[in-house]
Structures are given as structure tokens and as C-alpha cells.
Amino acid sequence: MWLQVSKTKFDSVTRYRIKDGGLSFFCDIGLVLIDEVHLLNDPRGASLEAIVSRIKMLARSPEMESSALAHVRFIAVSATIPNIEDLGEWLMVPVQGLKRYSYATF
């Protein structure tokens, strides 16, 4: 399943699905790509933070134990984020999973 939505729309849809008990919406999510993750440090980043926190919370719930969501992976990309280690810790990424690329790498 491929799902492409804005953070605002995803926040809205998931908030109401959780209230209605519709957790099956999350079962097939195994990978979350967060583009422009540097927006977390911006007033507009609150909805992005809520989404990621909600996904992390649901991934640990007993209802999701046998779903792809229980092993969800995050790919967070940004051209301007200086605190990659802090972000990795929040996303619960092992240190060896953090990758920093620069133009010199290519």
C-alpha cells in the first residue's frame, strides 16, 4: 500500500480513526518517510510531531503486535537539520542507523 498525504491531512484522518476505533488503517504501515523534518523546530511542526508520536504510540500497542506497524521504520530527510543525533534518539534509531550525507559524499 502506498499512501501519500500532507501532515495536516494525516493528522486529521488518524485522529478521527483512533476515536472511532479504526486502528486497522495503520496495520499495513511499515515505513514512514518524513520529508523536511527540520520543520519540527518550527511552529508548523506541531502536527508533524503529533503524527510521529501517534504512530510510535500505536506501534507499541498490543493490537498492532502482529502488524507491519509494530516494526515501523522512519526515514527522516532534510537538507538543513544539524541535530541528527537528537532526532535519531527521538525516533528510537540505533546510532548505526543514522546516516549523514553531504555533497562531498556524492
PDB file of N, CA and C in Angstrom:
ATOM      1  N   MET A   1       0.845  -1.166   0.000  1.00  0.00           N
ATOM      2  CA  MET A   1       0.000   0.000   0.000  1.00  0.00           C
ATOM      3  C   MET A   1       0.894   1.233   0.000  1.00  0.00           C
ATOM      4  N   TRP A   2       0.586   2.189  -0.815  1.00  0.00           N
ATOM      5  CA  TRP A   2       1.289   3.469  -0.877  1.00  0.00           C
ATOM      6  C   TRP A   2       0.303   4.545  -0.465  1.00  0.00           C
ATOM      7  N   LEU A   3       0.678   5.354   0.489  1.00  0.00           N
ATOM      8  CA  LEU A   3      -0.174   6.420   0.987  1.00  0.00           C
ATOM      9  C   LEU A   3       0.647   7.695   1.002  1.00  0.00           C
ATOM     10  N   GLN A   4       0.182   8.695   0.281  1.00  0.00           N
ATOM     11  CA  GLN A   4       0.889   9.969   0.261  1.00  0.00           C
ATOM     12  C   GLN A   4      -0.100  11.048   0.674  1.00  0.00           C
ATOM     13  N   VAL A   5       0.173  11.658   1.819  1.00  0.00           N
ATOM     14  CA  VAL A   5      -0.721  12.692   2.330  1.00  0.00           C
ATOM     15  C   VAL A   5       0.094  13.802   2.976  1.00  0.00           C
ATOM     16  N   SER A   6      -0.529  14.944   3.102  1.00  0.00           N
ATOM     17  CA  SER A   6       0.111  16.030   3.842  1.00  0.00           C
ATOM     18  C   SER A   6       0.042  15.701   5.327  1.00  0.00           C
ATOM     19  N   LYS A   7       0.922  16.310   6.088  1.00  0.00           N
ATOM     20  CA  LYS A   7       0.917  16.028   7.532  1.00  0.00           C
ATOM     21  C   LYS A   7      -0.391  16.471   8.171  1.00  0.00           C
ATOM     22  N   THR A   8      -0.969  17.550   7.696  1.00  0.00           N
ATOM     23  CA  THR A   8      -2.227  18.047   8.253  1.00  0.00           C
ATOM     24  C   THR A   8      -3.364  17.074   7.983  1.00  0.00           C
ATOM     25  N   LYS A   9      -3.446  16.554   6.769  1.00  0.00           N
ATOM     26  CA  LYS A   9      -4.499  15.603   6.422  1.00  0.00           C
ATOM     27  C   LYS A   9      -4.323  14.289   7.192  1.00  0.00           C
ATOM     28  N   PHE A  10      -3.087  13.796   7.278  1.00  0.00           N
ATOM     29  CA  PHE A  10      -2.830  12.561   8.003  1.00  0.00           C
ATOM     30  C   PHE A  10      -3.201  12.722   9.468  1.00  0.00           C
ATOM     31  N   ASP A  11      -2.848  13.856  10.053  1.00  0.00           N
ATOM     32  CA  ASP A  11      -3.191  14.139  11.443  1.00  0.00           C
ATOM     33  C   ASP A  11      -4.696  14.085  11.632  1.00  0.00           C
ATOM     34  N   SER A  12      -5.421  14.730  10.755  1.00  0.00           N
ATOM     35  CA  SER A  12      -6.881  14.783  10.856  1.00  0.00           C
ATOM     36  C   SER A  12      -7.509  13.398  10.704  1.00  0.00           C
ATOM     37  N   VAL A  13      -7.124  12.682   9.662  1.00  0.00           N
ATOM     38  CA  VAL A  13      -7.698  11.360   9.394  1.00  0.00           C
ATOM     39  C   VAL A  13      -7.396  10.394  10.526  1.00  0.00           C
ATOM     40  N   THR A  14      -6.161  10.366  10.991  1.00  0.00           N
ATOM     41  CA  THR A  14      -5.799   9.406  12.033  1.00  0.00           C
ATOM     42  C   THR A  14      -6.422   9.751  13.377  1.00  0.00           C
ATOM     43  N   ARG A  15      -6.575  11.017  13.654  1.00  0.00           N
ATOM     44  CA  ARG A  15      -7.189  11.420  14.924  1.00  0.00           C
ATOM     45  C   ARG A  15      -8.616  10.893  15.017  1.00  0.00           C
ATOM     46  N   TYR A  16      -9.378  11.016  13.943  1.00  0.00           N
ATOM     47  CA  TYR A  16     -10.766  10.549  13.971  1.00  0.00           C
ATOM     48  C   TYR A  16     -10.867   9.041  13.880  1.00  0.00           C
ATOM     49  N   ARG A  17      -9.953   8.420  13.172  1.00  0.00           N
ATOM     50  CA  ARG A  17      -9.964   6.954  13.107  1.00  0.00           C
ATOM     51  C   ARG A  17      -9.687   6.352  14.475  1.00  0.00           C
ATOM     52  N   ILE A  18      -8.779   6.928  15.223  1.00  0.00           N
ATOM     53  CA  ILE A  18      -8.460   6.410  16.557  1.00  0.00           C
ATOM     54  C   ILE A  18      -9.674   6.551  17.470  1.00  0.00           C
ATOM     55  N   LYS A  19     -10.347   7.704  17.399  1.00  0.00           N
ATOM     56  CA  LYS A  19     -11.540   7.912  18.232  1.00  0.00           C
ATOM     57  C   LYS A  19     -12.618   6.885  17.922  1.00  0.00           C
ATOM     58  N   ASP A  20     -12.726   6.496  16.628  1.00  0.00           N
ATOM     59  CA  ASP A  20     -13.752   5.546  16.207  1.00  0.00           C
ATOM     60  C   ASP A  20     -13.308   4.095  16.347  1.00  0.00           C
ATOM     61  N   GLY A  21     -12.090   3.884  16.827  1.00  0.00           N
ATOM     62  CA  GLY A  21     -11.592   2.523  16.977  1.00  0.00           C
ATOM     63  C   GLY A  21     -11.101   1.913  15.684  1.00  0.00           C
ATOM     64  N   GLY A  22     -10.867   2.713  14.667  1.00  0.00           N
ATOM     65  CA  GLY A  22     -10.451   2.219  13.357  1.00  0.00           C
ATOM     66  C   GLY A  22      -8.956   2.057  13.229  1.00  0.00           C
ATOM     67  N   LEU A  23      -8.353   1.266  14.081  1.00  0.00           N
ATOM     68  CA  LEU A  23      -6.902   1.086  14.057  1.00  0.00           C
ATOM     69  C   LEU A  23      -6.426   0.273  12.863  1.00  0.00           C
ATOM     70  N   SER A  24      -7.319  -0.415  12.173  1.00  0.00           N
ATOM     71  CA  SER A  24      -6.902  -1.219  11.025  1.00  0.00           C
ATOM     72  C   SER A  24      -6.266  -0.353   9.940  1.00  0.00           C
ATOM     73  N   PHE A  25      -6.570   0.919   9.944  1.00  0.00           N
ATOM     74  CA  PHE A  25      -5.965   1.855   8.997  1.00  0.00           C
ATOM     75  C   PHE A  25      -4.444   1.809   9.077  1.00  0.00           C
ATOM     76  N   PHE A  26      -3.894   1.545  10.242  1.00  0.00           N
ATOM     77  CA  PHE A  26      -2.457   1.578  10.473  1.00  0.00           C
ATOM     78  C   PHE A  26      -1.747   0.254  10.222  1.00  0.00           C
ATOM     79  N   CYS A  27      -2.468  -0.829  10.129  1.00  0.00           N
ATOM     80  CA  CYS A  27      -1.862  -2.166  10.111  1.00  0.00           C
ATOM     81  C   CYS A  27      -0.788  -2.362   9.053  1.00  0.00           C
ATOM     82  N   ASP A  28      -0.958  -1.772   7.883  1.00  0.00           N
ATOM     83  CA  ASP A  28      -0.035  -2.018   6.783  1.00  0.00           C
ATOM     84  C   ASP A  28       1.097  -1.012   6.704  1.00  0.00           C
ATOM     85  N   ILE A  29       1.159  -0.058   7.610  1.00  0.00           N
ATOM     86  CA  ILE A  29       2.219   0.940   7.574  1.00  0.00           C
ATOM     87  C   ILE A  29       3.479   0.343   8.167  1.00  0.00           C
ATOM     88  N   GLY A  30       4.508   0.224   7.343  1.00  0.00           N
ATOM     89  CA  GLY A  30       5.778  -0.330   7.800  1.00  0.00           C
ATOM     90  C   GLY A  30       6.936   0.640   7.612  1.00  0.00           C
ATOM     91  N   LEU A  31       6.701   1.691   6.838  1.00  0.00           N
ATOM     92  CA  LEU A  31       7.745   2.669   6.552  1.00  0.00           C
ATOM     93  C   LEU A  31       7.108   4.050   6.472  1.00  0.00           C
ATOM     94  N   VAL A  32       7.694   4.992   7.177  1.00  0.00           N
ATOM     95  CA  VAL A  32       7.207   6.369   7.155  1.00  0.00           C
ATOM     96  C   VAL A  32       8.352   7.257   6.689  1.00  0.00           C
ATOM     97  N   LEU A  33       8.129   7.960   5.606  1.00  0.00           N
ATOM     98  CA  LEU A  33       9.102   8.901   5.078  1.00  0.00           C
ATOM     99  C   LEU A  33       8.693  10.303   5.528  1.00  0.00           C
ATOM    100  N   ILE A  34       9.564  10.951   6.272  1.00  0.00           N
ATOM    101  CA  ILE A  34       9.291  12.298   6.764  1.00  0.00           C
ATOM    102  C   ILE A  34      10.181  13.262   5.989  1.00  0.00           C
ATOM    103  N   ASP A  35       9.576  13.995   5.080  1.00  0.00           N
ATOM    104  CA  ASP A  35      10.326  14.971   4.299  1.00  0.00           C
ATOM    105  C   ASP A  35      10.342  16.297   5.045  1.00  0.00           C
ATOM    106  N   GLU A  36      11.409  17.027   4.901  1.00  0.00           N
ATOM    107  CA  GLU A  36      11.580  18.331   5.540  1.00  0.00           C
ATOM    108  C   GLU A  36      11.406  18.236   7.063  1.00  0.00           C
ATOM    109  N   VAL A  37      12.079  17.265   7.653  1.00  0.00           N
ATOM    110  CA  VAL A  37      11.959  17.007   9.083  1.00  0.00           C
ATOM    111  C   VAL A  37      12.420  18.201   9.925  1.00  0.00           C
ATOM    112  N   HIS A  38      13.187  19.094   9.340  1.00  0.00           N
ATOM    113  CA  HIS A  38      13.617  20.295  10.070  1.00  0.00           C
ATOM    114  C   HIS A  38      12.431  21.164  10.489  1.00  0.00           C
ATOM    115  N   LEU A  39      11.265  20.932   9.900  1.00  0.00           N
ATOM    116  CA  LEU A  39      10.074  21.696  10.293  1.00  0.00           C
ATOM    117  C   LEU A  39       9.615  21.381  11.717  1.00  0.00           C
ATOM    118  N   LEU A  40      10.167  20.327  12.321  1.00  0.00           N
ATOM    119  CA  LEU A  40       9.839  20.044  13.715  1.00  0.00           C
ATOM    120  C   LEU A  40      10.203  21.212  14.622  1.00  0.00           C
ATOM    121  N   ASN A  41      11.193  21.963  14.231  1.00  0.00           N
ATOM    122  CA  ASN A  41      11.647  23.107  15.021  1.00  0.00           C
ATOM    123  C   ASN A  41      10.995  24.401  14.546  1.00  0.00           C
ATOM    124  N   ASP A  42       9.777  24.302  14.101  1.00  0.00           N
ATOM    125  CA  ASP A  42       9.044  25.418  13.518  1.00  0.00           C
ATOM    126  C   ASP A  42       7.624  25.370  14.083  1.00  0.00           C
ATOM    127  N   PRO A  43       6.941  26.492  14.163  1.00  0.00           N
ATOM    128  CA  PRO A  43       5.551  26.450  14.645  1.00  0.00           C
ATOM    129  C   PRO A  43       4.665  25.493  13.838  1.00  0.00           C
ATOM    130  N   ARG A  44       5.002  25.296  12.569  1.00  0.00           N
ATOM    131  CA  ARG A  44       4.219  24.371  11.732  1.00  0.00           C
ATOM    132  C   ARG A  44       4.548  22.913  12.026  1.00  0.00           C
ATOM    133  N   GLY A  45       5.552  22.679  12.845  1.00  0.00           N
ATOM    134  CA  GLY A  45       5.985  21.313  13.108  1.00  0.00           C
ATOM    135  C   GLY A  45       5.168  20.563  14.142  1.00  0.00           C
ATOM    136  N   ALA A  46       4.247  21.243  14.803  1.00  0.00           N
ATOM    137  CA  ALA A  46       3.459  20.578  15.855  1.00  0.00           C
ATOM    138  C   ALA A  46       2.642  19.415  15.306  1.00  0.00           C
ATOM    139  N   SER A  47       2.033  19.587  14.150  1.00  0.00           N
ATOM    140  CA  SER A  47       1.233  18.485  13.600  1.00  0.00           C
ATOM    141  C   SER A  47       2.134  17.328  13.166  1.00  0.00           C
ATOM    142  N   LEU A  48       3.323  17.626  12.646  1.00  0.00           N
ATOM    143  CA  LEU A  48       4.263  16.572  12.283  1.00  0.00           C
ATOM    144  C   LEU A  48       4.707  15.795  13.518  1.00  0.00           C
ATOM    145  N   GLU A  49       5.006  16.507  14.580  1.00  0.00           N
ATOM    146  CA  GLU A  49       5.397  15.848  15.822  1.00  0.00           C
ATOM    147  C   GLU A  49       4.256  14.983  16.362  1.00  0.00           C
ATOM    148  N   ALA A  50       3.031  15.481  16.272  1.00  0.00           N
ATOM    149  CA  ALA A  50       1.869  14.709  16.739  1.00  0.00           C
ATOM    150  C   ALA A  50       1.701  13.427  15.938  1.00  0.00           C
ATOM    151  N   ILE A  51       1.891  13.521  14.642  1.00  0.00           N
ATOM    152  CA  ILE A  51       1.749  12.340  13.781  1.00  0.00           C
ATOM    153  C   ILE A  51       2.781  11.275  14.143  1.00  0.00           C
ATOM    154  N   VAL A  52       4.039  11.682  14.221  1.00  0.00           N
ATOM    155  CA  VAL A  52       5.100  10.721  14.518  1.00  0.00           C
ATOM    156  C   VAL A  52       4.894  10.115  15.908  1.00  0.00           C
ATOM    157  N   SER A  53       4.527  10.937  16.866  1.00  0.00           N
ATOM    158  CA  SER A  53       4.270  10.434  18.225  1.00  0.00           C
ATOM    159  C   SER A  53       3.111   9.454  18.241  1.00  0.00           C
ATOM    160  N   ARG A  54       2.075   9.754  17.480  1.00  0.00           N
ATOM    161  CA  ARG A  54       0.907   8.866  17.414  1.00  0.00           C
ATOM    162  C   ARG A  54       1.288   7.529  16.781  1.00  0.00           C
ATOM    163  N   ILE A  55       2.063   7.568  15.726  1.00  0.00           N
ATOM    164  CA  ILE A  55       2.498   6.325  15.075  1.00  0.00           C
ATOM    165  C   ILE A  55       3.355   5.503  16.025  1.00  0.00           C
ATOM    166  N   LYS A  56       4.282   6.143  16.719  1.00  0.00           N
ATOM    167  CA  LYS A  56       5.128   5.433  17.678  1.00  0.00           C
ATOM    168  C   LYS A  56       4.287   4.803  18.788  1.00  0.00           C
ATOM    169  N   MET A  57       3.295   5.535  19.289  1.00  0.00           N
ATOM    170  CA  MET A  57       2.429   5.029  20.351  1.00  0.00           C
ATOM    171  C   MET A  57       1.635   3.814  19.857  1.00  0.00           C
ATOM    172  N   LEU A  58       1.049   3.921  18.677  1.00  0.00           N
ATOM    173  CA  LEU A  58       0.255   2.822  18.138  1.00  0.00           C
ATOM    174  C   LEU A  58       1.114   1.602  17.820  1.00  0.00           C
ATOM    175  N   ALA A  59       2.338   1.830  17.383  1.00  0.00           N
ATOM    176  CA  ALA A  59       3.228   0.712  17.059  1.00  0.00           C
ATOM    177  C   ALA A  59       3.487  -0.152  18.280  1.00  0.00           C
ATOM    178  N   ARG A  60       3.441   0.439  19.458  1.00  0.00           N
ATOM    179  CA  ARG A  60       3.690  -0.308  20.695  1.00  0.00           C
ATOM    180  C   ARG A  60       2.413  -0.893  21.307  1.00  0.00           C
ATOM    181  N   SER A  61       1.262  -0.643  20.701  1.00  0.00           N
ATOM    182  CA  SER A  61       0.016  -1.129  21.293  1.00  0.00           C
ATOM    183  C   SER A  61      -0.166  -2.625  21.008  1.00  0.00           C
ATOM    184  N   PRO A  62      -0.771  -3.345  21.934  1.00  0.00           N
ATOM    185  CA  PRO A  62      -0.980  -4.791  21.763  1.00  0.00           C
ATOM    186  C   PRO A  62      -1.772  -5.140  20.504  1.00  0.00           C
ATOM    187  N   GLU A  63      -2.684  -4.265  20.083  1.00  0.00           N
ATOM    188  CA  GLU A  63      -3.496  -4.529  18.894  1.00  0.00           C
ATOM    189  C   GLU A  63      -2.652  -4.599  17.622  1.00  0.00           C
ATOM    190  N   MET A  64      -1.501  -3.974  17.636  1.00  0.00           N
ATOM    191  CA  MET A  64      -0.652  -3.904  16.444  1.00  0.00           C
ATOM    192  C   MET A  64       0.508  -4.894  16.480  1.00  0.00           C
ATOM    193  N   GLU A  65       0.538  -5.747  17.488  1.00  0.00           N
ATOM    194  CA  GLU A  65       1.672  -6.638  17.720  1.00  0.00           C
ATOM    195  C   GLU A  65       2.062  -7.475  16.498  1.00  0.00           C
ATOM    196  N   SER A  66       1.094  -7.947  15.740  1.00  0.00           N
ATOM    197  CA  SER A  66       1.412  -8.804  14.595  1.00  0.00           C
ATOM    198  C   SER A  66       1.327  -8.056  13.262  1.00  0.00           C
ATOM    199  N   SER A  67       1.285  -6.746  13.293  1.00  0.00           N
ATOM    200  CA  SER A  67       1.175  -5.964  12.055  1.00  0.00           C
ATOM    201  C   SER A  67       2.524  -5.386  11.653  1.00  0.00           C
ATOM    202  N   ALA A  68       2.581  -4.872  10.448  1.00  0.00           N
ATOM    203  CA  ALA A  68       3.797  -4.206   9.965  1.00  0.00           C
ATOM    204  C   ALA A  68       4.129  -2.996  10.832  1.00  0.00           C
ATOM    205  N   LEU A  69       3.124  -2.356  11.369  1.00  0.00           N
ATOM    206  CA  LEU A  69       3.335  -1.158  12.177  1.00  0.00           C
ATOM    207  C   LEU A  69       4.170  -1.435  13.424  1.00  0.00           C
ATOM    208  N   ALA A  70       4.098  -2.640  13.948  1.00  0.00           N
ATOM    209  CA  ALA A  70       4.884  -2.984  15.145  1.00  0.00           C
ATOM    210  C   ALA A  70       6.384  -2.856  14.886  1.00  0.00           C
ATOM    211  N   HIS A  71       6.773  -2.901  13.624  1.00  0.00           N
ATOM    212  CA  HIS A  71       8.188  -2.810  13.252  1.00  0.00           C
ATOM    213  C   HIS A  71       8.425  -1.625  12.318  1.00  0.00           C
ATOM    214  N   VAL A  72       7.641  -0.584  12.500  1.00  0.00           N
ATOM    215  CA  VAL A  72       7.708   0.577  11.601  1.00  0.00           C
ATOM    216  C   VAL A  72       9.106   1.177  11.577  1.00  0.00           C
ATOM    217  N   ARG A  73       9.516   1.596  10.396  1.00  0.00           N
ATOM    218  CA  ARG A  73      10.797   2.269  10.219  1.00  0.00           C
ATOM    219  C   ARG A  73      10.519   3.694   9.769  1.00  0.00           C
ATOM    220  N   PHE A  74      11.360   4.603  10.200  1.00  0.00           N
ATOM    221  CA  PHE A  74      11.234   6.002   9.821  1.00  0.00           C
ATOM    222  C   PHE A  74      12.432   6.404   8.980  1.00  0.00           C
ATOM    223  N   ILE A  75      12.165   7.101   7.900  1.00  0.00           N
ATOM    224  CA  ILE A  75      13.217   7.746   7.130  1.00  0.00           C
ATOM    225  C   ILE A  75      12.914   9.233   7.211  1.00  0.00           C
ATOM    226  N   ALA A  76      13.796   9.965   7.845  1.00  0.00           N
ATOM    227  CA  ALA A  76      13.610  11.409   8.021  1.00  0.00           C
ATOM    228  C   ALA A  76      14.666  12.117   7.188  1.00  0.00           C
ATOM    229  N   VAL A  77      14.231  12.978   6.280  1.00  0.00           N
ATOM    230  CA  VAL A  77      15.174  13.660   5.403  1.00  0.00           C
ATOM    231  C   VAL A  77      15.046  15.170   5.545  1.00  0.00           C
ATOM    232  N   SER A  78      16.196  15.813   5.422  1.00  0.00           N
ATOM    233  CA  SER A  78      16.262  17.266   5.482  1.00  0.00           C
ATOM    234  C   SER A  78      17.625  17.695   4.962  1.00  0.00           C
ATOM    235  N   ALA A  79      17.648  18.828   4.302  1.00  0.00           N
ATOM    236  CA  ALA A  79      18.919  19.364   3.839  1.00  0.00           C
ATOM    237  C   ALA A  79      19.556  20.256   4.894  1.00  0.00           C
ATOM    238  N   THR A  80      18.811  20.552   5.951  1.00  0.00           N
ATOM    239  CA  THR A  80      19.291  21.578   6.885  1.00  0.00           C
ATOM    240  C   THR A  80      19.218  21.192   8.356  1.00  0.00           C
ATOM    241  N   ILE A  81      19.134  19.931   8.697  1.00  0.00           N
ATOM    242  CA  ILE A  81      18.992  19.582  10.115  1.00  0.00           C
ATOM    243  C   ILE A  81      20.368  19.335  10.752  1.00  0.00           C
ATOM    244  N   PRO A  82      20.713  20.133  11.746  1.00  0.00           N
ATOM    245  CA  PRO A  82      22.027  19.988  12.362  1.00  0.00           C
ATOM    246  C   PRO A  82      22.071  18.939  13.480  1.00  0.00           C
ATOM    247  N   ASN A  83      20.943  18.673  14.129  1.00  0.00           N
ATOM    248  CA  ASN A  83      20.933  17.804  15.309  1.00  0.00           C
ATOM    249  C   ASN A  83      20.405  16.411  14.979  1.00  0.00           C
ATOM    250  N   ILE A  84      21.076  15.741  14.072  1.00  0.00           N
ATOM    251  CA  ILE A  84      20.646  14.427  13.619  1.00  0.00           C
ATOM    252  C   ILE A  84      20.624  13.410  14.766  1.00  0.00           C
ATOM    253  N   GLU A  85      21.549  13.536  15.705  1.00  0.00           N
ATOM    254  CA  GLU A  85      21.597  12.593  16.829  1.00  0.00           C
ATOM    255  C   GLU A  85      20.365  12.734  17.718  1.00  0.00           C
ATOM    256  N   ASP A  86      19.943  13.960  17.998  1.00  0.00           N
ATOM    257  CA  ASP A  86      18.738  14.185  18.811  1.00  0.00           C
ATOM    258  C   ASP A  86      17.506  13.626  18.116  1.00  0.00           C
ATOM    259  N   LEU A  87      17.406  13.866  16.830  1.00  0.00           N
ATOM    260  CA  LEU A  87      16.278  13.359  16.060  1.00  0.00           C
ATOM    261  C   LEU A  87      16.275  11.832  16.058  1.00  0.00           C
ATOM    262  N   GLY A  88      17.437  11.238  15.869  1.00  0.00           N
ATOM    263  CA  GLY A  88      17.542   9.784  15.886  1.00  0.00           C
ATOM    264  C   GLY A  88      17.128   9.183  17.216  1.00  0.00           C
ATOM    265  N   GLU A  89      17.502   9.836  18.287  1.00  0.00           N
ATOM    266  CA  GLU A  89      17.113   9.358  19.618  1.00  0.00           C
ATOM    267  C   GLU A  89      15.599   9.402  19.783  1.00  0.00           C
ATOM    268  N   TRP A  90      14.981  10.497  19.342  1.00  0.00           N
ATOM    269  CA  TRP A  90      13.522  10.633  19.454  1.00  0.00           C
ATOM    270  C   TRP A  90      12.803   9.574  18.619  1.00  0.00           C
ATOM    271  N   LEU A  91      13.351   9.268  17.443  1.00  0.00           N
ATOM    272  CA  LEU A  91      12.748   8.258  16.580  1.00  0.00           C
ATOM    273  C   LEU A  91      13.155   6.842  16.971  1.00  0.00           C
ATOM    274  N   MET A  92      13.988   6.709  18.016  1.00  0.00           N
ATOM    275  CA  MET A  92      14.465   5.427  18.523  1.00  0.00           C
ATOM    276  C   MET A  92      15.276   4.675  17.468  1.00  0.00           C
ATOM    277  N   VAL A  93      16.159   5.402  16.800  1.00  0.00           N
ATOM    278  CA  VAL A  93      17.032   4.833  15.772  1.00  0.00           C
ATOM    279  C   VAL A  93      18.363   4.491  16.421  1.00  0.00           C
ATOM    280  N   PRO A  94      18.854   3.278  16.224  1.00  0.00           N
ATOM    281  CA  PRO A  94      20.174   2.962  16.759  1.00  0.00           C
ATOM    282  C   PRO A  94      21.230   3.848  16.080  1.00  0.00           C
ATOM    283  N   VAL A  95      22.295   4.136  16.794  1.00  0.00           N
ATOM    284  CA  VAL A  95      23.332   5.040  16.287  1.00  0.00           C
ATOM    285  C   VAL A  95      23.829   4.604  14.907  1.00  0.00           C
ATOM    286  N   GLN A  96      23.991   3.312  14.696  1.00  0.00           N
ATOM    287  CA  GLN A  96      24.480   2.837  13.405  1.00  0.00           C
ATOM    288  C   GLN A  96      23.459   3.050  12.280  1.00  0.00           C
ATOM    289  N   GLY A  97      22.219   3.380  12.632  1.00  0.00           N
ATOM    290  CA  GLY A  97      21.184   3.639  11.631  1.00  0.00           C
ATOM    291  C   GLY A  97      21.146   5.078  11.158  1.00  0.00           C
ATOM    292  N   LEU A  98      21.907   5.953  11.805  1.00  0.00           N
ATOM    293  CA  LEU A  98      21.932   7.364  11.406  1.00  0.00           C
ATOM    294  C   LEU A  98      22.914   7.552  10.255  1.00  0.00           C
ATOM    295  N   LYS A  99      22.486   8.218   9.218  1.00  0.00           N
ATOM    296  CA  LYS A  99      23.341   8.467   8.060  1.00  0.00           C
ATOM    297  C   LYS A  99      23.319   9.956   7.744  1.00  0.00           C
ATOM    298  N   ARG A 100      24.485  10.542   7.640  1.00  0.00           N
ATOM    299  CA  ARG A 100      24.602  11.947   7.278  1.00  0.00           C
ATOM    300  C   ARG A 100      25.327  12.011   5.925  1.00  0.00           C
ATOM    301  N   TYR A 101      24.672  12.602   4.970  1.00  0.00           N
ATOM    302  CA  TYR A 101      25.251  12.733   3.639  1.00  0.00           C
ATOM    303  C   TYR A 101      25.508  14.199   3.350  1.00  0.00           C
ATOM    304  N   SER A 102      26.505  14.442   2.560  1.00  0.00           N
ATOM    305  CA  SER A 102      26.789  15.804   2.119  1.00  0.00           C
ATOM    306  C   SER A 102      27.158  15.720   0.640  1.00  0.00           C
ATOM    307  N   TYR A 103      27.299  16.875   0.038  1.00  0.00           N
ATOM    308  CA  TYR A 103      27.684  16.886  -1.378  1.00  0.00           C
ATOM    309  C   TYR A 103      29.023  16.191  -1.587  1.00  0.00           C
ATOM    310  N   ALA A 104      29.877  16.244  -0.588  1.00  0.00           N
ATOM    311  CA  ALA A 104      31.187  15.599  -0.691  1.00  0.00           C
ATOM    312  C   ALA A 104      31.058  14.084  -0.790  1.00  0.00           C
ATOM    313  N   THR A 105      29.955  13.539  -0.267  1.00  0.00           N
ATOM    314  CA  THR A 105      29.719  12.100  -0.292  1.00  0.00           C
ATOM    315  C   THR A 105      29.474  11.617  -1.713  1.00  0.00           C
ATOM    316  N   PHE A 106      28.859  12.457  -2.515  1.00  0.00           N
ATOM    317  CA  PHE A 106      28.498  12.059  -3.874  1.00  0.00           C
ATOM    318  C   PHE A 106      29.611  12.353  -4.769  1.00  0.00           C
TER     319      PHE A 106
END
